[in-house]
Amino acid sequence: MSKKSSGGDHPAIEARGLVKIYGASRALNGIDLTIPRGQVFGFLGPNGAGKTTTIRILATSTRPSAGTARVLGHDVMTEAGAIRARVAVTGQFASLDEDLTGRENLLVLGRLHGLSRAVGRRRADDLLAAFDLTRAAGRPVSGYSGGMRRRLDIAASLVVTPDLLFLDEPTTGLDPRSRHQVWELVRRVAAAGTTVLLTTQYLDEADRLAERIAVIDNGRIVAEGTSAQLKSRVGSGTLHLRLLDGDQRPQARGILADALEGTVRLGPDPLTLTVVLATRPDATDVGLPVGRAMTRLADAGVGVADLSLGRPSLDEAFLALTGRRTGPATVDHEELGA
């Protein structure tokens, strides 16, 4: 995949006041979004927040109830054909023909895009090699692993290189090794000049891949910025504690809330707590209140197995912004392509 010019003076995406209503439910409630060309843009939100609905509107698969949006300079309401010719969509679930081989899937798509047989074969071979699928190219897709299917699905979206690629939950259900392979593919696609809009519930995924991130909740954008900017919104530092006895966690929470200026949250592990501090973790005075808090825990007989000071994570920022942790991905109001 060679580097190509992003071209054009318009942003990749411009949306203003997007609203989408399904019956009595407002899936989107006034989305404003501007995404420059040539970057990976992360789009985060809890289940049902409106991520997939937003992509469906931008990819012209559904119409907004109100508001405006332009994709690559074209209006989603009046120039859908021009948009579809320049974008590709990869949804949560691979849209492949399982009875065909990997190579046959790519060849069929090449013909549908108007490539000649010779050009289609070269493009298929190039993509299979780039995505490490050459050895499996002659096997039916029904025998592919989850990671191989996702790689082939992304390859299929690049048979004709798009100016804009929508990636909706691209690593859902994949093992860690396959997730890292998909991440590398996303980096390569973006490096070749394609703008990528990435929706994900894996916060480390957005942290690693996205230059900027927007957080959507209840159909509204609640925050936007770089990963570092989002983290800074929840505080300058965090104190992580692991207790010796999980039964003492309520007592420890009360002591920490009283001793420290910050929000005390229970960790997913029954032994852990996190305090978002107002003071930077490297500040000269941070040790004093933390030390006093540790003394009070010891005086109360609360055993601490481990503690550490660090900067807030994107997960902590997400929790502060939405009040919810991310969870297993589910399909939004409408599946892509439905």
C-alpha atoms as a PDB file:
ATOM      1  CA  MET A   1       0.000   0.000   0.000  1.00  0.00           C
ATOM      2  CA  SER A   2       1.802   3.126  -1.187  1.00  0.00           C
ATOM      3  CA  LYS A   3       1.439   6.606   0.227  1.00  0.00           C
ATOM      4  CA  LYS A   4      -1.223   8.654  -1.510  1.00  0.00           C
ATOM      5  CA  SER A   5      -2.247  12.249  -1.205  1.00  0.00           C
ATOM      6  CA  SER A   6      -5.291  12.941   0.921  1.00  0.00           C
ATOM      7  CA  GLY A   7      -6.320  15.594  -1.623  1.00  0.00           C
ATOM      8  CA  GLY A   8      -8.976  18.246  -1.388  1.00  0.00           C
ATOM      9  CA  ASP A   9      -9.412  21.184   0.970  1.00  0.00           C
ATOM     10  CA  HIS A  10     -12.427  19.850   2.853  1.00  0.00           C
ATOM     11  CA  PRO A  11     -12.182  17.884   6.108  1.00  0.00           C
ATOM     12  CA  ALA A  12     -12.885  14.185   5.784  1.00  0.00           C
ATOM     13  CA  ILE A  13     -16.041  14.619   7.891  1.00  0.00           C
ATOM     14  CA  GLU A  14     -18.084  17.661   8.892  1.00  0.00           C
ATOM     15  CA  ALA A  15     -21.266  17.049  10.897  1.00  0.00           C
ATOM     16  CA  ARG A  16     -23.461  19.620  12.564  1.00  0.00           C
ATOM     17  CA  GLY A  17     -26.463  18.969  14.789  1.00  0.00           C
ATOM     18  CA  LEU A  18     -26.995  15.362  13.681  1.00  0.00           C
ATOM     19  CA  VAL A  19     -30.148  13.835  15.139  1.00  0.00           C
ATOM     20  CA  LYS A  20     -31.495  10.332  14.570  1.00  0.00           C
ATOM     21  CA  ILE A  21     -34.816   9.204  15.987  1.00  0.00           C
ATOM     22  CA  TYR A  22     -36.079   5.616  16.065  1.00  0.00           C
ATOM     23  CA  GLY A  23     -39.677   5.707  17.245  1.00  0.00           C
ATOM     24  CA  ALA A  24     -39.575   7.174  20.745  1.00  0.00           C
ATOM     25  CA  SER A  25     -35.791   6.796  21.033  1.00  0.00           C
ATOM     26  CA  ARG A  26     -33.265   9.479  20.087  1.00  0.00           C
ATOM     27  CA  ALA A  27     -30.160   7.557  19.058  1.00  0.00           C
ATOM     28  CA  LEU A  28     -28.348  10.815  18.234  1.00  0.00           C
ATOM     29  CA  ASN A  29     -29.139  14.089  19.923  1.00  0.00           C
ATOM     30  CA  GLY A  30     -27.145  16.801  18.148  1.00  0.00           C
ATOM     31  CA  ILE A  31     -23.755  15.465  17.034  1.00  0.00           C
ATOM     32  CA  ASP A  32     -21.106  18.002  15.983  1.00  0.00           C
ATOM     33  CA  LEU A  33     -17.955  16.442  14.543  1.00  0.00           C
ATOM     34  CA  THR A  34     -15.047  17.622  12.391  1.00  0.00           C
ATOM     35  CA  ILE A  35     -12.373  15.129  11.321  1.00  0.00           C
ATOM     36  CA  PRO A  36      -9.354  16.280   9.274  1.00  0.00           C
ATOM     37  CA  ARG A  37      -8.016  14.104   6.486  1.00  0.00           C
ATOM     38  CA  GLY A  38      -5.162  11.676   6.837  1.00  0.00           C
ATOM     39  CA  GLN A  39      -5.479  10.587  10.467  1.00  0.00           C
ATOM     40  CA  VAL A  40      -6.933   7.855  12.656  1.00  0.00           C
ATOM     41  CA  PHE A  41      -9.803   9.348  14.633  1.00  0.00           C
ATOM     42  CA  GLY A  42     -11.145   7.385  17.598  1.00  0.00           C
ATOM     43  CA  PHE A  43     -14.868   7.348  18.369  1.00  0.00           C
ATOM     44  CA  LEU A  44     -15.562   5.951  21.839  1.00  0.00           C
ATOM     45  CA  GLY A  45     -18.757   5.325  23.734  1.00  0.00           C
ATOM     46  CA  PRO A  46     -20.668   2.785  25.819  1.00  0.00           C
ATOM     47  CA  ASN A  47     -23.067   0.289  24.257  1.00  0.00           C
ATOM     48  CA  GLY A  48     -25.963   2.081  22.593  1.00  0.00           C
ATOM     49  CA  ALA A  49     -24.284   5.495  22.795  1.00  0.00           C
ATOM     50  CA  GLY A  50     -24.790   6.141  19.073  1.00  0.00           C
ATOM     51  CA  LYS A  51     -21.457   5.151  17.512  1.00  0.00           C
ATOM     52  CA  THR A  52     -22.779   2.806  14.834  1.00  0.00           C
ATOM     53  CA  THR A  53     -25.756   5.049  14.092  1.00  0.00           C
ATOM     54  CA  THR A  54     -23.350   7.919  13.418  1.00  0.00           C
ATOM     55  CA  ILE A  55     -21.312   5.782  11.035  1.00  0.00           C
ATOM     56  CA  ARG A  56     -24.454   4.624   9.225  1.00  0.00           C
ATOM     57  CA  ILE A  57     -25.395   8.246   8.556  1.00  0.00           C
ATOM     58  CA  LEU A  58     -21.893   9.243   7.447  1.00  0.00           C
ATOM     59  CA  ALA A  59     -21.641   6.168   5.196  1.00  0.00           C
ATOM     60  CA  THR A  60     -25.099   7.032   3.723  1.00  0.00           C
ATOM     61  CA  SER A  61     -26.672   3.785   4.926  1.00  0.00           C
ATOM     62  CA  THR A  62     -29.377   5.725   6.770  1.00  0.00           C
ATOM     63  CA  ARG A  63     -30.612   9.300   6.730  1.00  0.00           C
ATOM     64  CA  PRO A  64     -30.471  11.692   9.688  1.00  0.00           C
ATOM     65  CA  SER A  65     -33.692  12.929  11.209  1.00  0.00           C
ATOM     66  CA  ALA A  66     -32.162  16.406  11.453  1.00  0.00           C
ATOM     67  CA  GLY A  67     -28.828  18.138  11.016  1.00  0.00           C
ATOM     68  CA  THR A  68     -26.256  18.155   8.221  1.00  0.00           C
ATOM     69  CA  ALA A  69     -23.169  16.161   7.343  1.00  0.00           C
ATOM     70  CA  ARG A  70     -20.580  16.321   4.590  1.00  0.00           C
ATOM     71  CA  VAL A  71     -18.142  13.505   3.872  1.00  0.00           C
ATOM     72  CA  LEU A  72     -15.099  14.302   1.732  1.00  0.00           C
ATOM     73  CA  GLY A  73     -16.881  17.505   0.746  1.00  0.00           C
ATOM     74  CA  HIS A  74     -20.123  15.773  -0.331  1.00  0.00           C
ATOM     75  CA  ASP A  75     -23.528  16.112   1.317  1.00  0.00           C
ATOM     76  CA  VAL A  76     -24.815  12.827   2.792  1.00  0.00           C
ATOM     77  CA  MET A  77     -28.394  13.655   1.781  1.00  0.00           C
ATOM     78  CA  THR A  78     -27.893  14.727  -1.828  1.00  0.00           C
ATOM     79  CA  GLU A  79     -24.552  13.216  -2.904  1.00  0.00           C
ATOM     80  CA  ALA A  80     -24.667   9.700  -1.467  1.00  0.00           C
ATOM     81  CA  GLY A  81     -23.329   8.131  -4.664  1.00  0.00           C
ATOM     82  CA  ALA A  82     -20.203  10.304  -4.673  1.00  0.00           C
ATOM     83  CA  ILE A  83     -19.546   9.401  -1.026  1.00  0.00           C
ATOM     84  CA  ARG A  84     -20.029   5.658  -1.523  1.00  0.00           C
ATOM     85  CA  ALA A  85     -17.527   5.701  -4.376  1.00  0.00           C
ATOM     86  CA  ARG A  86     -14.819   6.994  -2.042  1.00  0.00           C
ATOM     87  CA  VAL A  87     -15.435   5.302   1.317  1.00  0.00           C
ATOM     88  CA  ALA A  88     -15.346   1.772   2.672  1.00  0.00           C
ATOM     89  CA  VAL A  89     -17.053   0.313   5.730  1.00  0.00           C
ATOM     90  CA  THR A  90     -15.903  -2.605   7.845  1.00  0.00           C
ATOM     91  CA  GLY A  91     -18.482  -3.522  10.471  1.00  0.00           C
ATOM     92  CA  GLN A  92     -18.451  -5.484  13.697  1.00  0.00           C
ATOM     93  CA  PHE A  93     -18.952  -8.756  11.836  1.00  0.00           C
ATOM     94  CA  ALA A  94     -17.131  -9.862   8.702  1.00  0.00           C
ATOM     95  CA  SER A  95     -19.217  -9.549   5.515  1.00  0.00           C
ATOM     96  CA  LEU A  96     -17.541 -12.368   3.607  1.00  0.00           C
ATOM     97  CA  ASP A  97     -18.822 -15.323   1.586  1.00  0.00           C
ATOM     98  CA  GLU A  98     -17.753 -18.290   3.680  1.00  0.00           C
ATOM     99  CA  ASP A  99     -18.144 -20.752   0.802  1.00  0.00           C
ATOM    100  CA  LEU A 100     -15.526 -18.908  -1.257  1.00  0.00           C
ATOM    101  CA  THR A 101     -11.795 -18.920  -0.639  1.00  0.00           C
ATOM    102  CA  GLY A 102     -10.002 -15.822   0.595  1.00  0.00           C
ATOM    103  CA  ARG A 103      -8.674 -15.091  -2.882  1.00  0.00           C
ATOM    104  CA  GLU A 104     -12.080 -15.676  -4.508  1.00  0.00           C
ATOM    105  CA  ASN A 105     -13.710 -13.175  -2.122  1.00  0.00           C
ATOM    106  CA  LEU A 106     -11.234 -10.503  -3.169  1.00  0.00           C
ATOM    107  CA  LEU A 107     -11.519 -11.356  -6.869  1.00  0.00           C
ATOM    108  CA  VAL A 108     -15.317 -11.092  -6.783  1.00  0.00           C
ATOM    109  CA  LEU A 109     -15.127  -7.728  -5.052  1.00  0.00           C
ATOM    110  CA  GLY A 110     -12.569  -6.535  -7.586  1.00  0.00           C
ATOM    111  CA  ARG A 111     -14.900  -7.375 -10.454  1.00  0.00           C
ATOM    112  CA  LEU A 112     -17.810  -5.639  -8.675  1.00  0.00           C
ATOM    113  CA  HIS A 113     -15.630  -2.520  -8.399  1.00  0.00           C
ATOM    114  CA  GLY A 114     -14.926  -2.652 -12.139  1.00  0.00           C
ATOM    115  CA  LEU A 115     -11.365  -3.981 -12.067  1.00  0.00           C
ATOM    116  CA  SER A 116     -10.258  -6.079 -15.013  1.00  0.00           C
ATOM    117  CA  ARG A 117      -9.455  -9.738 -14.313  1.00  0.00           C
ATOM    118  CA  ALA A 118      -5.710  -9.117 -14.552  1.00  0.00           C
ATOM    119  CA  VAL A 119      -5.769  -6.019 -12.343  1.00  0.00           C
ATOM    120  CA  GLY A 120      -8.107  -7.762  -9.891  1.00  0.00           C
ATOM    121  CA  ARG A 121      -5.762 -10.731  -9.568  1.00  0.00           C
ATOM    122  CA  ARG A 122      -2.765  -8.478  -8.931  1.00  0.00           C
ATOM    123  CA  ARG A 123      -4.685  -6.466  -6.358  1.00  0.00           C
ATOM    124  CA  ALA A 124      -5.907  -9.614  -4.595  1.00  0.00           C
ATOM    125  CA  ASP A 125      -2.398 -11.071  -4.465  1.00  0.00           C
ATOM    126  CA  ASP A 126      -0.966  -7.792  -3.152  1.00  0.00           C
ATOM    127  CA  LEU A 127      -3.566  -7.593  -0.386  1.00  0.00           C
ATOM    128  CA  LEU A 128      -3.188 -11.238   0.585  1.00  0.00           C
ATOM    129  CA  ALA A 129       0.558 -10.750   0.903  1.00  0.00           C
ATOM    130  CA  ALA A 130       0.244  -7.466   2.801  1.00  0.00           C
ATOM    131  CA  PHE A 131      -2.202  -8.967   5.296  1.00  0.00           C
ATOM    132  CA  ASP A 132      -0.238 -12.225   5.736  1.00  0.00           C
ATOM    133  CA  LEU A 133      -2.956 -14.377   4.157  1.00  0.00           C
ATOM    134  CA  THR A 134      -1.162 -15.812   1.120  1.00  0.00           C
ATOM    135  CA  ARG A 135      -0.829 -19.306   2.579  1.00  0.00           C
ATOM    136  CA  ALA A 136      -4.554 -19.388   3.435  1.00  0.00           C
ATOM    137  CA  ALA A 137      -5.698 -17.775   0.167  1.00  0.00           C
ATOM    138  CA  GLY A 138      -6.913 -21.045  -1.362  1.00  0.00           C
ATOM    139  CA  ARG A 139      -8.902 -22.183   1.653  1.00  0.00           C
ATOM    140  CA  PRO A 140     -12.638 -21.521   2.157  1.00  0.00           C
ATOM    141  CA  VAL A 141     -13.264 -18.644   4.553  1.00  0.00           C
ATOM    142  CA  SER A 142     -15.409 -20.964   6.690  1.00  0.00           C
ATOM    143  CA  GLY A 143     -12.156 -22.502   7.928  1.00  0.00           C
ATOM    144  CA  TYR A 144     -10.502 -19.197   8.868  1.00  0.00           C
ATOM    145  CA  SER A 145      -9.840 -18.173  12.461  1.00  0.00           C
ATOM    146  CA  GLY A 146     -11.441 -15.006  13.831  1.00  0.00           C
ATOM    147  CA  GLY A 147      -8.250 -13.021  13.342  1.00  0.00           C
ATOM    148  CA  MET A 148      -7.849 -14.195   9.754  1.00  0.00           C
ATOM    149  CA  ARG A 149     -11.455 -13.249   8.967  1.00  0.00           C
ATOM    150  CA  ARG A 150     -10.979  -9.746  10.344  1.00  0.00           C
ATOM    151  CA  ARG A 151      -7.790  -9.270   8.322  1.00  0.00           C
ATOM    152  CA  LEU A 152      -9.533 -10.500   5.179  1.00  0.00           C
ATOM    153  CA  ASP A 153     -12.525  -8.283   5.903  1.00  0.00           C
ATOM    154  CA  ILE A 154     -10.281  -5.215   6.128  1.00  0.00           C
ATOM    155  CA  ALA A 155      -8.443  -6.321   2.987  1.00  0.00           C
ATOM    156  CA  ALA A 156     -11.799  -6.600   1.216  1.00  0.00           C
ATOM    157  CA  SER A 157     -12.569  -2.987   2.092  1.00  0.00           C
ATOM    158  CA  LEU A 158      -9.297  -1.947   0.428  1.00  0.00           C
ATOM    159  CA  VAL A 159      -9.710  -3.689  -2.949  1.00  0.00           C
ATOM    160  CA  VAL A 160     -10.195  -0.173  -4.254  1.00  0.00           C
ATOM    161  CA  THR A 161      -8.260   2.086  -1.884  1.00  0.00           C
ATOM    162  CA  PRO A 162     -10.776   4.384  -0.154  1.00  0.00           C
ATOM    163  CA  ASP A 163     -10.191   7.980   0.891  1.00  0.00           C
ATOM    164  CA  LEU A 164     -12.086   7.238   4.111  1.00  0.00           C
ATOM    165  CA  LEU A 165     -12.366   3.930   5.967  1.00  0.00           C
ATOM    166  CA  PHE A 166     -14.995   3.360   8.672  1.00  0.00           C
ATOM    167  CA  LEU A 167     -13.821   0.687  11.107  1.00  0.00           C
ATOM    168  CA  ASP A 168     -16.626  -0.281  13.476  1.00  0.00           C
ATOM    169  CA  GLU A 169     -15.334  -2.418  16.388  1.00  0.00           C
ATOM    170  CA  PRO A 170     -12.642  -4.061  14.189  1.00  0.00           C
ATOM    171  CA  THR A 171     -11.159  -6.292  16.918  1.00  0.00           C
ATOM    172  CA  THR A 172     -14.307  -7.446  18.708  1.00  0.00           C
ATOM    173  CA  GLY A 173     -13.872 -11.016  19.943  1.00  0.00           C
ATOM    174  CA  LEU A 174     -10.269 -11.373  18.801  1.00  0.00           C
ATOM    175  CA  ASP A 175      -7.436 -12.821  20.863  1.00  0.00           C
ATOM    176  CA  PRO A 176      -4.582 -10.449  21.864  1.00  0.00           C
ATOM    177  CA  ARG A 177      -2.257 -11.581  19.053  1.00  0.00           C
ATOM    178  CA  SER A 178      -4.922 -11.042  16.394  1.00  0.00           C
ATOM    179  CA  ARG A 179      -5.799  -7.652  17.874  1.00  0.00           C
ATOM    180  CA  HIS A 180      -2.177  -6.529  17.553  1.00  0.00           C
ATOM    181  CA  GLN A 181      -2.116  -7.706  13.927  1.00  0.00           C
ATOM    182  CA  VAL A 182      -5.213  -5.654  13.131  1.00  0.00           C
ATOM    183  CA  TRP A 183      -3.684  -2.626  14.878  1.00  0.00           C
ATOM    184  CA  GLU A 184      -0.645  -2.863  12.638  1.00  0.00           C
ATOM    185  CA  LEU A 185      -2.896  -3.032   9.576  1.00  0.00           C
ATOM    186  CA  VAL A 186      -4.767   0.091  10.689  1.00  0.00           C
ATOM    187  CA  ARG A 187      -1.473   1.957  11.067  1.00  0.00           C
ATOM    188  CA  ARG A 188      -0.414   0.898   7.580  1.00  0.00           C
ATOM    189  CA  VAL A 189      -3.728   1.945   6.044  1.00  0.00           C
ATOM    190  CA  ALA A 190      -3.482   5.380   7.663  1.00  0.00           C
ATOM    191  CA  ALA A 191       0.187   5.739   6.645  1.00  0.00           C
ATOM    192  CA  ALA A 192      -0.867   5.155   3.032  1.00  0.00           C
ATOM    193  CA  GLY A 193      -3.083   8.263   3.221  1.00  0.00           C
ATOM    194  CA  THR A 194      -6.534   6.879   4.077  1.00  0.00           C
ATOM    195  CA  THR A 195      -8.476   8.644   6.830  1.00  0.00           C
ATOM    196  CA  VAL A 196      -9.730   6.112   9.388  1.00  0.00           C
ATOM    197  CA  LEU A 197     -12.729   6.589  11.684  1.00  0.00           C
ATOM    198  CA  LEU A 198     -12.336   3.939  14.362  1.00  0.00           C
ATOM    199  CA  THR A 199     -15.123   3.040  16.765  1.00  0.00           C
ATOM    200  CA  THR A 200     -14.082   0.806  19.615  1.00  0.00           C
ATOM    201  CA  GLN A 201     -14.799  -0.085  23.214  1.00  0.00           C
ATOM    202  CA  TYR A 202     -11.206  -1.193  23.807  1.00  0.00           C
ATOM    203  CA  LEU A 203      -9.690   1.948  25.254  1.00  0.00           C
ATOM    204  CA  ASP A 204      -6.109   0.771  24.808  1.00  0.00           C
ATOM    205  CA  GLU A 205      -6.919   0.414  21.103  1.00  0.00           C
ATOM    206  CA  ALA A 206      -7.892   4.073  20.797  1.00  0.00           C
ATOM    207  CA  ASP A 207      -4.964   5.079  23.004  1.00  0.00           C
ATOM    208  CA  ARG A 208      -2.498   3.326  20.681  1.00  0.00           C
ATOM    209  CA  LEU A 209      -4.011   4.182  17.296  1.00  0.00           C
ATOM    210  CA  ALA A 210      -5.966   7.445  17.363  1.00  0.00           C
ATOM    211  CA  GLU A 211      -4.470  10.909  16.988  1.00  0.00           C
ATOM    212  CA  ARG A 212      -7.674  12.425  18.360  1.00  0.00           C
ATOM    213  CA  ILE A 213     -10.645  10.912  20.166  1.00  0.00           C
ATOM    214  CA  ALA A 214     -14.288  11.890  20.587  1.00  0.00           C
ATOM    215  CA  VAL A 215     -16.376  10.371  23.375  1.00  0.00           C
ATOM    216  CA  ILE A 216     -20.087   9.930  22.685  1.00  0.00           C
ATOM    217  CA  ASP A 217     -22.682   9.194  25.371  1.00  0.00           C
ATOM    218  CA  ASN A 218     -26.463   9.210  25.122  1.00  0.00           C
ATOM    219  CA  GLY A 219     -26.271  10.469  21.566  1.00  0.00           C
ATOM    220  CA  ARG A 220     -24.060  13.484  22.328  1.00  0.00           C
ATOM    221  CA  ILE A 221     -20.341  14.225  22.069  1.00  0.00           C
ATOM    222  CA  VAL A 222     -19.283  14.747  25.697  1.00  0.00           C
ATOM    223  CA  ALA A 223     -15.542  15.271  25.114  1.00  0.00           C
ATOM    224  CA  GLU A 224     -13.019  15.525  22.311  1.00  0.00           C
ATOM    225  CA  GLY A 225      -9.240  15.849  22.169  1.00  0.00           C
ATOM    226  CA  THR A 226      -6.035  13.884  22.219  1.00  0.00           C
ATOM    227  CA  SER A 227      -5.711  10.955  24.587  1.00  0.00           C
ATOM    228  CA  ALA A 228      -3.532  13.067  26.896  1.00  0.00           C
ATOM    229  CA  GLN A 229      -6.088  15.895  26.909  1.00  0.00           C
ATOM    230  CA  LEU A 230      -8.941  13.540  27.823  1.00  0.00           C
ATOM    231  CA  LYS A 231      -6.904  11.998  30.627  1.00  0.00           C
ATOM    232  CA  SER A 232      -6.053  15.425  32.027  1.00  0.00           C
ATOM    233  CA  ARG A 233      -9.759  16.233  32.396  1.00  0.00           C
ATOM    234  CA  VAL A 234     -10.200  13.710  35.216  1.00  0.00           C
ATOM    235  CA  GLY A 235      -7.270  14.831  37.349  1.00  0.00           C
ATOM    236  CA  SER A 236      -3.523  14.992  37.226  1.00  0.00           C
ATOM    237  CA  GLY A 237      -2.661  11.736  38.970  1.00  0.00           C
ATOM    238  CA  THR A 238      -4.022   8.492  40.343  1.00  0.00           C
ATOM    239  CA  LEU A 239      -3.281   6.401  43.394  1.00  0.00           C
ATOM    240  CA  HIS A 240      -3.802   2.661  42.923  1.00  0.00           C
ATOM    241  CA  LEU A 241      -4.114   0.383  45.955  1.00  0.00           C
ATOM    242  CA  ARG A 242      -4.427  -3.362  46.378  1.00  0.00           C
ATOM    243  CA  LEU A 243      -5.633  -4.547  49.774  1.00  0.00           C
ATOM    244  CA  LEU A 244      -4.793  -7.730  51.614  1.00  0.00           C
ATOM    245  CA  ASP A 245      -8.439  -8.339  52.518  1.00  0.00           C
ATOM    246  CA  GLY A 246     -11.317  -7.487  50.177  1.00  0.00           C
ATOM    247  CA  ASP A 247     -13.741  -7.306  53.116  1.00  0.00           C
ATOM    248  CA  GLN A 248     -11.914  -4.175  54.241  1.00  0.00           C
ATOM    249  CA  ARG A 249     -12.475  -2.320  50.978  1.00  0.00           C
ATOM    250  CA  PRO A 250     -15.542  -0.316  52.172  1.00  0.00           C
ATOM    251  CA  GLN A 251     -13.573   0.793  55.248  1.00  0.00           C
ATOM    252  CA  ALA A 252     -10.562   1.710  53.115  1.00  0.00           C
ATOM    253  CA  ARG A 253     -12.755   3.657  50.720  1.00  0.00           C
ATOM    254  CA  GLY A 254     -14.146   5.767  53.539  1.00  0.00           C
ATOM    255  CA  ILE A 255     -10.700   6.521  54.972  1.00  0.00           C
ATOM    256  CA  LEU A 256      -9.278   7.483  51.560  1.00  0.00           C
ATOM    257  CA  ALA A 257     -12.256   9.685  50.711  1.00  0.00           C
ATOM    258  CA  ASP A 258     -11.778  11.546  53.987  1.00  0.00           C
ATOM    259  CA  ALA A 259      -7.980  11.781  53.785  1.00  0.00           C
ATOM    260  CA  LEU A 260      -7.451  12.671  50.147  1.00  0.00           C
ATOM    261  CA  GLU A 261      -8.839  15.316  47.837  1.00  0.00           C
ATOM    262  CA  GLY A 262     -10.141  13.198  45.002  1.00  0.00           C
ATOM    263  CA  THR A 263     -12.688  10.656  43.864  1.00  0.00           C
ATOM    264  CA  VAL A 264     -12.336   7.106  45.204  1.00  0.00           C
ATOM    265  CA  ARG A 265     -13.449   4.370  42.820  1.00  0.00           C
ATOM    266  CA  LEU A 266     -13.659   0.634  43.301  1.00  0.00           C
ATOM    267  CA  GLY A 267     -11.574  -1.401  40.875  1.00  0.00           C
ATOM    268  CA  PRO A 268     -12.841  -4.430  38.935  1.00  0.00           C
ATOM    269  CA  ASP A 269     -10.776  -6.612  41.243  1.00  0.00           C
ATOM    270  CA  PRO A 270     -12.437  -6.839  44.722  1.00  0.00           C
ATOM    271  CA  LEU A 271      -9.103  -6.003  46.326  1.00  0.00           C
ATOM    272  CA  THR A 272      -8.402  -2.778  44.433  1.00  0.00           C
ATOM    273  CA  LEU A 273      -9.260   0.916  44.740  1.00  0.00           C
ATOM    274  CA  THR A 274      -8.259   3.954  42.697  1.00  0.00           C
ATOM    275  CA  VAL A 275      -8.156   7.576  43.829  1.00  0.00           C
ATOM    276  CA  VAL A 276      -8.068  10.297  41.170  1.00  0.00           C
ATOM    277  CA  LEU A 277      -5.921  13.014  42.734  1.00  0.00           C
ATOM    278  CA  ALA A 278      -6.001  16.735  42.150  1.00  0.00           C
ATOM    279  CA  THR A 279      -2.211  16.878  42.488  1.00  0.00           C
ATOM    280  CA  ARG A 280       0.255  15.674  39.855  1.00  0.00           C
ATOM    281  CA  PRO A 281       1.852  12.325  40.762  1.00  0.00           C
ATOM    282  CA  ASP A 282       5.318  13.867  40.418  1.00  0.00           C
ATOM    283  CA  ALA A 283       4.534  16.966  42.479  1.00  0.00           C
ATOM    284  CA  THR A 284       6.736  17.548  45.508  1.00  0.00           C
ATOM    285  CA  ASP A 285       3.813  17.736  47.923  1.00  0.00           C
ATOM    286  CA  VAL A 286       1.856  14.700  46.742  1.00  0.00           C
ATOM    287  CA  GLY A 287       3.644  12.343  49.131  1.00  0.00           C
ATOM    288  CA  LEU A 288       2.399  14.182  52.233  1.00  0.00           C
ATOM    289  CA  PRO A 289      -1.373  13.549  51.892  1.00  0.00           C
ATOM    290  CA  VAL A 290      -0.776  10.051  50.496  1.00  0.00           C
ATOM    291  CA  GLY A 291       1.541   9.264  53.402  1.00  0.00           C
ATOM    292  CA  ARG A 292      -1.040  10.499  55.898  1.00  0.00           C
ATOM    293  CA  ALA A 293      -3.708   8.389  54.218  1.00  0.00           C
ATOM    294  CA  MET A 294      -1.503   5.302  54.437  1.00  0.00           C
ATOM    295  CA  THR A 295      -0.905   5.977  58.129  1.00  0.00           C
ATOM    296  CA  ARG A 296      -4.628   6.212  58.757  1.00  0.00           C
ATOM    297  CA  LEU A 297      -5.215   2.938  56.938  1.00  0.00           C
ATOM    298  CA  ALA A 298      -2.515   1.262  59.035  1.00  0.00           C
ATOM    299  CA  ASP A 299      -3.921   2.701  62.261  1.00  0.00           C
ATOM    300  CA  ALA A 300      -7.333   1.278  61.323  1.00  0.00           C
ATOM    301  CA  GLY A 301      -5.830  -2.137  60.709  1.00  0.00           C
ATOM    302  CA  VAL A 302      -6.434  -2.055  56.944  1.00  0.00           C
ATOM    303  CA  GLY A 303      -3.686  -4.043  55.219  1.00  0.00           C
ATOM    304  CA  VAL A 304      -2.282  -2.712  51.944  1.00  0.00           C
ATOM    305  CA  ALA A 305      -0.523  -5.235  49.718  1.00  0.00           C
ATOM    306  CA  ASP A 306       0.594  -2.773  47.068  1.00  0.00           C
ATOM    307  CA  LEU A 307       0.252   0.873  46.054  1.00  0.00           C
ATOM    308  CA  SER A 308       1.430   2.953  43.130  1.00  0.00           C
ATOM    309  CA  LEU A 309       1.166   6.527  41.889  1.00  0.00           C
ATOM    310  CA  GLY A 310       0.679   7.253  38.224  1.00  0.00           C
ATOM    311  CA  ARG A 311      -1.144   9.304  35.644  1.00  0.00           C
ATOM    312  CA  PRO A 312      -4.829   8.698  34.832  1.00  0.00           C
ATOM    313  CA  SER A 313      -5.589   6.052  32.220  1.00  0.00           C
ATOM    314  CA  LEU A 314      -7.954   6.520  29.289  1.00  0.00           C
ATOM    315  CA  ASP A 315     -10.242   4.013  31.036  1.00  0.00           C
ATOM    316  CA  GLU A 316     -10.442   6.328  34.047  1.00  0.00           C
ATOM    317  CA  ALA A 317     -11.125   9.290  31.772  1.00  0.00           C
ATOM    318  CA  PHE A 318     -13.884   7.344  30.006  1.00  0.00           C
ATOM    319  CA  LEU A 319     -15.471   6.379  33.330  1.00  0.00           C
ATOM    320  CA  ALA A 320     -15.367   9.984  34.538  1.00  0.00           C
ATOM    321  CA  LEU A 321     -16.873  11.304  31.301  1.00  0.00           C
ATOM    322  CA  THR A 322     -19.656   8.744  30.883  1.00  0.00           C
ATOM    323  CA  GLY A 323     -20.133   7.272  34.352  1.00  0.00           C
ATOM    324  CA  ARG A 324     -19.796   3.802  32.807  1.00  0.00           C
ATOM    325  CA  ARG A 325     -17.015   1.406  32.026  1.00  0.00           C
ATOM    326  CA  THR A 326     -16.704  -0.097  28.580  1.00  0.00           C
ATOM    327  CA  GLY A 327     -18.065  -3.607  28.157  1.00  0.00           C
ATOM    328  CA  PRO A 328     -18.502  -6.317  25.540  1.00  0.00           C
ATOM    329  CA  ALA A 329     -19.487  -4.854  22.211  1.00  0.00           C
ATOM    330  CA  THR A 330     -23.062  -5.128  21.086  1.00  0.00           C
ATOM    331  CA  VAL A 331     -24.805  -4.078  17.917  1.00  0.00           C
ATOM    332  CA  ASP A 332     -26.189  -0.550  17.908  1.00  0.00           C
ATOM    333  CA  HIS A 333     -29.755   0.354  16.889  1.00  0.00           C
ATOM    334  CA  GLU A 334     -29.047  -0.942  13.409  1.00  0.00           C
ATOM    335  CA  GLU A 335     -26.232  -3.169  12.248  1.00  0.00           C
ATOM    336  CA  LEU A 336     -24.080  -1.730   9.510  1.00  0.00           C
ATOM    337  CA  GLY A 337     -25.437  -2.673   6.166  1.00  0.00           C
ATOM    338  CA  ALA A 338     -28.785  -3.821   7.560  1.00  0.00           C
END
